[in-house]
Amino acid sequence: MKSREFVSVFRSSKKSDTYIFVRRGQAWEELPESLKAVFGSPVHSMDLIMTPERKLARTTGEQVLMAIEEKDFFLQMPQEQDAYVIDFRTRPGLRES
């Protein structure tokens, strides 16, 4: 694993809160077809220098660098949220007996 890498971050045009980290200058055509089909068109978000010590919102620089070395990309998916399921058949504050 490199001690630092210049990476580009793209957001997905199909899935909200989904990002891909790749080496700067990485050709989109070189990534797996299955990834491109699910991800959609990449929308450039930013470029940055990634180091193993760098802390990101949902991962670490070390995880990103390891994935880029192994697969040529790091895919960040949205966190799963269970709290969005609401039972609209009951009134708030009432419990079933």
N, C-alpha and C. Protein backbone atom coordinates (compact mmCIF):
# COMPACT_ATOMS: atom_id res chain seq x y z
N MET A 1 0.86 -1.19 0.00
CA MET A 1 0.00 0.00 0.00
C MET A 1 0.89 1.24 0.00
N LYS A 2 0.53 2.20 -0.84
CA LYS A 2 1.28 3.45 -0.90
C LYS A 2 1.01 4.29 0.33
N SER A 3 1.95 5.15 0.65
CA SER A 3 1.76 6.02 1.82
C SER A 3 0.86 7.20 1.49
N ARG A 4 0.70 7.49 0.21
CA ARG A 4 -0.22 8.54 -0.22
C ARG A 4 -0.57 8.33 -1.68
N GLU A 5 -1.77 8.77 -2.02
CA GLU A 5 -2.27 8.61 -3.39
C GLU A 5 -3.18 9.78 -3.71
N PHE A 6 -3.04 10.33 -4.90
CA PHE A 6 -3.93 11.41 -5.35
C PHE A 6 -5.18 10.73 -5.90
N VAL A 7 -6.34 10.94 -5.26
CA VAL A 7 -7.57 10.27 -5.67
C VAL A 7 -8.63 11.26 -6.09
N SER A 8 -9.53 10.78 -6.91
CA SER A 8 -10.71 11.54 -7.31
C SER A 8 -11.93 10.86 -6.71
N VAL A 9 -12.89 11.66 -6.30
CA VAL A 9 -14.12 11.15 -5.70
C VAL A 9 -15.28 11.54 -6.62
N PHE A 10 -16.12 10.56 -6.94
CA PHE A 10 -17.28 10.79 -7.80
C PHE A 10 -18.53 10.33 -7.06
N ARG A 11 -19.63 11.03 -7.26
CA ARG A 11 -20.90 10.59 -6.70
C ARG A 11 -21.72 9.93 -7.81
N SER A 12 -22.60 9.06 -7.39
CA SER A 12 -23.42 8.30 -8.34
C SER A 12 -24.57 9.15 -8.84
N SER A 13 -24.89 8.99 -10.13
CA SER A 13 -26.05 9.67 -10.70
C SER A 13 -27.32 8.85 -10.47
N LYS A 14 -27.17 7.58 -10.04
CA LYS A 14 -28.33 6.71 -9.86
C LYS A 14 -28.71 6.49 -8.40
N LYS A 15 -27.72 6.43 -7.52
CA LYS A 15 -27.98 6.10 -6.12
C LYS A 15 -27.51 7.24 -5.23
N SER A 16 -28.42 7.76 -4.42
CA SER A 16 -28.04 8.85 -3.53
C SER A 16 -27.07 8.38 -2.46
N ASP A 17 -26.20 9.28 -2.07
CA ASP A 17 -25.23 9.04 -1.00
C ASP A 17 -24.28 7.87 -1.32
N THR A 18 -23.99 7.66 -2.61
CA THR A 18 -23.08 6.61 -3.04
C THR A 18 -21.91 7.27 -3.78
N TYR A 19 -20.69 6.92 -3.35
CA TYR A 19 -19.49 7.55 -3.90
C TYR A 19 -18.48 6.48 -4.28
N ILE A 20 -17.64 6.83 -5.27
CA ILE A 20 -16.55 5.95 -5.64
C ILE A 20 -15.26 6.76 -5.60
N PHE A 21 -14.23 6.16 -5.01
CA PHE A 21 -12.90 6.76 -4.93
C PHE A 21 -12.01 5.99 -5.90
N VAL A 22 -11.30 6.70 -6.77
CA VAL A 22 -10.38 6.07 -7.73
C VAL A 22 -9.10 6.89 -7.80
N ARG A 23 -8.04 6.29 -8.35
CA ARG A 23 -6.81 7.05 -8.59
C ARG A 23 -7.14 8.21 -9.54
N ARG A 24 -6.53 9.34 -9.30
CA ARG A 24 -6.78 10.47 -10.21
C ARG A 24 -6.32 10.07 -11.60
N GLY A 25 -7.17 10.30 -12.58
CA GLY A 25 -6.86 9.95 -13.96
C GLY A 25 -7.30 8.55 -14.35
N GLN A 26 -7.89 7.80 -13.41
CA GLN A 26 -8.38 6.44 -13.70
C GLN A 26 -9.42 6.51 -14.81
N ALA A 27 -9.27 5.67 -15.81
CA ALA A 27 -10.24 5.63 -16.91
C ALA A 27 -11.49 4.89 -16.45
N TRP A 28 -12.65 5.52 -16.59
CA TRP A 28 -13.93 4.93 -16.19
C TRP A 28 -14.18 3.62 -16.90
N GLU A 29 -13.73 3.52 -18.15
CA GLU A 29 -13.94 2.32 -18.96
C GLU A 29 -13.20 1.10 -18.40
N GLU A 30 -12.17 1.31 -17.58
CA GLU A 30 -11.39 0.21 -17.03
C GLU A 30 -12.04 -0.43 -15.80
N LEU A 31 -13.07 0.19 -15.25
CA LEU A 31 -13.74 -0.35 -14.07
C LEU A 31 -14.72 -1.45 -14.49
N PRO A 32 -15.07 -2.35 -13.56
CA PRO A 32 -15.98 -3.46 -13.92
C PRO A 32 -17.33 -2.98 -14.45
N GLU A 33 -17.84 -3.69 -15.46
CA GLU A 33 -19.12 -3.34 -16.08
C GLU A 33 -20.27 -3.37 -15.06
N SER A 34 -20.26 -4.35 -14.17
CA SER A 34 -21.33 -4.46 -13.18
C SER A 34 -21.35 -3.23 -12.26
N LEU A 35 -20.19 -2.72 -11.90
CA LEU A 35 -20.09 -1.53 -11.07
C LEU A 35 -20.64 -0.32 -11.82
N LYS A 36 -20.23 -0.16 -13.07
CA LYS A 36 -20.68 0.99 -13.87
C LYS A 36 -22.19 0.96 -14.07
N ALA A 37 -22.77 -0.23 -14.25
CA ALA A 37 -24.21 -0.34 -14.48
C ALA A 37 -24.99 0.10 -13.24
N VAL A 38 -24.53 -0.29 -12.07
CA VAL A 38 -25.23 0.06 -10.83
C VAL A 38 -24.97 1.52 -10.44
N PHE A 39 -23.75 1.99 -10.65
CA PHE A 39 -23.34 3.32 -10.23
C PHE A 39 -23.94 4.42 -11.11
N GLY A 40 -24.07 4.16 -12.39
CA GLY A 40 -24.56 5.19 -13.31
C GLY A 40 -23.44 6.10 -13.75
N SER A 41 -23.78 7.26 -14.23
CA SER A 41 -22.78 8.21 -14.69
C SER A 41 -22.08 8.84 -13.49
N PRO A 42 -20.74 8.87 -13.50
CA PRO A 42 -20.03 9.48 -12.38
C PRO A 42 -20.10 11.00 -12.45
N VAL A 43 -20.33 11.63 -11.30
CA VAL A 43 -20.35 13.09 -11.20
C VAL A 43 -19.20 13.49 -10.29
N HIS A 44 -18.22 14.22 -10.83
CA HIS A 44 -17.02 14.56 -10.07
C HIS A 44 -17.38 15.40 -8.85
N SER A 45 -16.87 14.98 -7.69
CA SER A 45 -17.09 15.71 -6.45
C SER A 45 -15.85 16.47 -6.00
N MET A 46 -14.70 15.76 -5.97
CA MET A 46 -13.47 16.41 -5.51
C MET A 46 -12.26 15.54 -5.81
N ASP A 47 -11.08 16.15 -5.71
CA ASP A 47 -9.81 15.45 -5.75
C ASP A 47 -9.12 15.72 -4.43
N LEU A 48 -8.40 14.72 -3.92
CA LEU A 48 -7.68 14.92 -2.67
C LEU A 48 -6.52 13.95 -2.56
N ILE A 49 -5.58 14.30 -1.69
CA ILE A 49 -4.47 13.41 -1.41
C ILE A 49 -4.88 12.52 -0.25
N MET A 50 -4.89 11.21 -0.50
CA MET A 50 -5.32 10.24 0.50
C MET A 50 -4.09 9.66 1.18
N THR A 51 -4.10 9.67 2.50
CA THR A 51 -3.06 9.04 3.30
C THR A 51 -3.73 8.03 4.23
N PRO A 52 -2.98 7.04 4.74
CA PRO A 52 -3.60 6.06 5.64
C PRO A 52 -4.17 6.69 6.91
N GLU A 53 -3.61 7.80 7.34
CA GLU A 53 -4.06 8.46 8.57
C GLU A 53 -5.32 9.29 8.39
N ARG A 54 -5.69 9.57 7.16
CA ARG A 54 -6.82 10.45 6.89
C ARG A 54 -8.13 9.83 7.38
N LYS A 55 -8.90 10.62 8.11
CA LYS A 55 -10.21 10.16 8.60
C LYS A 55 -11.29 10.75 7.70
N LEU A 56 -12.20 9.88 7.28
CA LEU A 56 -13.32 10.30 6.45
C LEU A 56 -14.60 10.04 7.24
N ALA A 57 -15.72 10.49 6.72
CA ALA A 57 -16.99 10.36 7.45
C ALA A 57 -17.35 8.91 7.78
N ARG A 58 -17.16 7.99 6.83
CA ARG A 58 -17.59 6.60 7.04
C ARG A 58 -16.47 5.58 6.92
N THR A 59 -15.26 6.02 6.68
CA THR A 59 -14.16 5.07 6.48
C THR A 59 -12.84 5.74 6.86
N THR A 60 -11.77 5.05 6.57
CA THR A 60 -10.45 5.61 6.83
C THR A 60 -9.66 5.66 5.53
N GLY A 61 -8.64 6.48 5.52
CA GLY A 61 -7.77 6.55 4.36
C GLY A 61 -7.11 5.21 4.07
N GLU A 62 -6.79 4.48 5.13
CA GLU A 62 -6.16 3.16 4.97
C GLU A 62 -7.07 2.21 4.21
N GLN A 63 -8.36 2.17 4.54
CA GLN A 63 -9.30 1.29 3.84
C GLN A 63 -9.44 1.69 2.37
N VAL A 64 -9.49 2.99 2.11
CA VAL A 64 -9.60 3.48 0.73
C VAL A 64 -8.37 3.09 -0.07
N LEU A 65 -7.17 3.32 0.49
CA LEU A 65 -5.94 3.01 -0.22
C LEU A 65 -5.79 1.50 -0.47
N MET A 66 -6.18 0.69 0.50
CA MET A 66 -6.10 -0.76 0.31
C MET A 66 -7.03 -1.23 -0.80
N ALA A 67 -8.26 -0.69 -0.83
CA ALA A 67 -9.22 -1.08 -1.87
C ALA A 67 -8.75 -0.62 -3.25
N ILE A 68 -8.21 0.57 -3.33
CA ILE A 68 -7.72 1.07 -4.62
C ILE A 68 -6.55 0.22 -5.11
N GLU A 69 -5.70 -0.20 -4.20
CA GLU A 69 -4.57 -1.06 -4.58
C GLU A 69 -5.06 -2.42 -5.07
N GLU A 70 -6.06 -2.98 -4.40
CA GLU A 70 -6.56 -4.32 -4.75
C GLU A 70 -7.51 -4.33 -5.94
N LYS A 71 -8.45 -3.36 -5.99
CA LYS A 71 -9.53 -3.40 -6.99
C LYS A 71 -9.55 -2.21 -7.95
N ASP A 72 -8.70 -1.22 -7.72
CA ASP A 72 -8.66 0.03 -8.50
C ASP A 72 -9.78 0.99 -8.14
N PHE A 73 -10.58 0.69 -7.09
CA PHE A 73 -11.62 1.61 -6.65
C PHE A 73 -12.04 1.28 -5.23
N PHE A 74 -12.67 2.26 -4.57
CA PHE A 74 -13.32 2.05 -3.28
C PHE A 74 -14.73 2.58 -3.42
N LEU A 75 -15.72 1.74 -3.14
CA LEU A 75 -17.12 2.12 -3.26
C LEU A 75 -17.69 2.39 -1.88
N GLN A 76 -18.23 3.58 -1.69
CA GLN A 76 -18.87 3.94 -0.42
C GLN A 76 -20.37 3.99 -0.63
N MET A 77 -21.07 3.08 0.05
CA MET A 77 -22.52 2.99 -0.06
C MET A 77 -23.17 3.72 1.12
N PRO A 78 -24.44 4.08 0.99
CA PRO A 78 -25.13 4.74 2.12
C PRO A 78 -25.29 3.80 3.30
N GLN A 79 -25.34 4.37 4.48
CA GLN A 79 -25.57 3.57 5.67
C GLN A 79 -27.02 3.11 5.67
N GLU A 80 -27.24 1.89 6.17
CA GLU A 80 -28.61 1.39 6.27
C GLU A 80 -29.31 2.06 7.44
N GLN A 81 -30.57 2.39 7.24
CA GLN A 81 -31.33 3.09 8.25
C GLN A 81 -32.62 2.33 8.52
N ASP A 82 -32.72 1.72 9.69
CA ASP A 82 -33.92 0.99 10.06
C ASP A 82 -35.01 1.89 10.61
N ALA A 83 -34.65 3.09 11.03
CA ALA A 83 -35.60 3.97 11.71
C ALA A 83 -36.66 4.55 10.78
N TYR A 84 -36.55 4.32 9.49
CA TYR A 84 -37.51 4.91 8.57
C TYR A 84 -38.80 4.10 8.43
N VAL A 85 -38.85 2.93 8.97
CA VAL A 85 -40.04 2.09 8.86
C VAL A 85 -41.04 2.53 9.92
N ILE A 86 -42.19 2.94 9.48
CA ILE A 86 -43.24 3.41 10.39
C ILE A 86 -44.52 2.66 10.06
N ASP A 87 -45.21 2.22 11.08
CA ASP A 87 -46.48 1.54 10.88
C ASP A 87 -47.58 2.59 10.92
N PHE A 88 -48.14 2.93 9.78
CA PHE A 88 -49.15 3.97 9.68
C PHE A 88 -50.55 3.48 10.03
N ARG A 89 -50.68 2.19 10.35
CA ARG A 89 -52.00 1.66 10.68
C ARG A 89 -52.39 1.97 12.12
N THR A 90 -51.43 2.32 12.96
CA THR A 90 -51.74 2.63 14.35
C THR A 90 -51.50 4.11 14.62
N ARG A 91 -52.20 4.63 15.59
CA ARG A 91 -52.00 6.03 15.97
C ARG A 91 -50.74 6.14 16.82
N PRO A 92 -50.01 7.22 16.68
CA PRO A 92 -48.79 7.40 17.48
C PRO A 92 -49.11 7.31 18.97
N GLY A 93 -48.25 6.66 19.70
CA GLY A 93 -48.41 6.55 21.14
C GLY A 93 -49.26 5.37 21.59
N LEU A 94 -49.94 4.71 20.67
CA LEU A 94 -50.76 3.56 21.02
C LEU A 94 -50.02 2.29 20.71
N ARG A 95 -50.12 1.32 21.59
CA ARG A 95 -49.48 0.03 21.38
C ARG A 95 -50.54 -1.04 21.19
N GLU A 96 -50.18 -2.03 20.41
CA GLU A 96 -51.12 -3.15 20.23
C GLU A 96 -51.11 -4.00 21.48
N SER A 97 -52.26 -4.50 21.89
CA SER A 97 -52.35 -5.34 23.10
C SER A 97 -52.29 -6.79 22.74
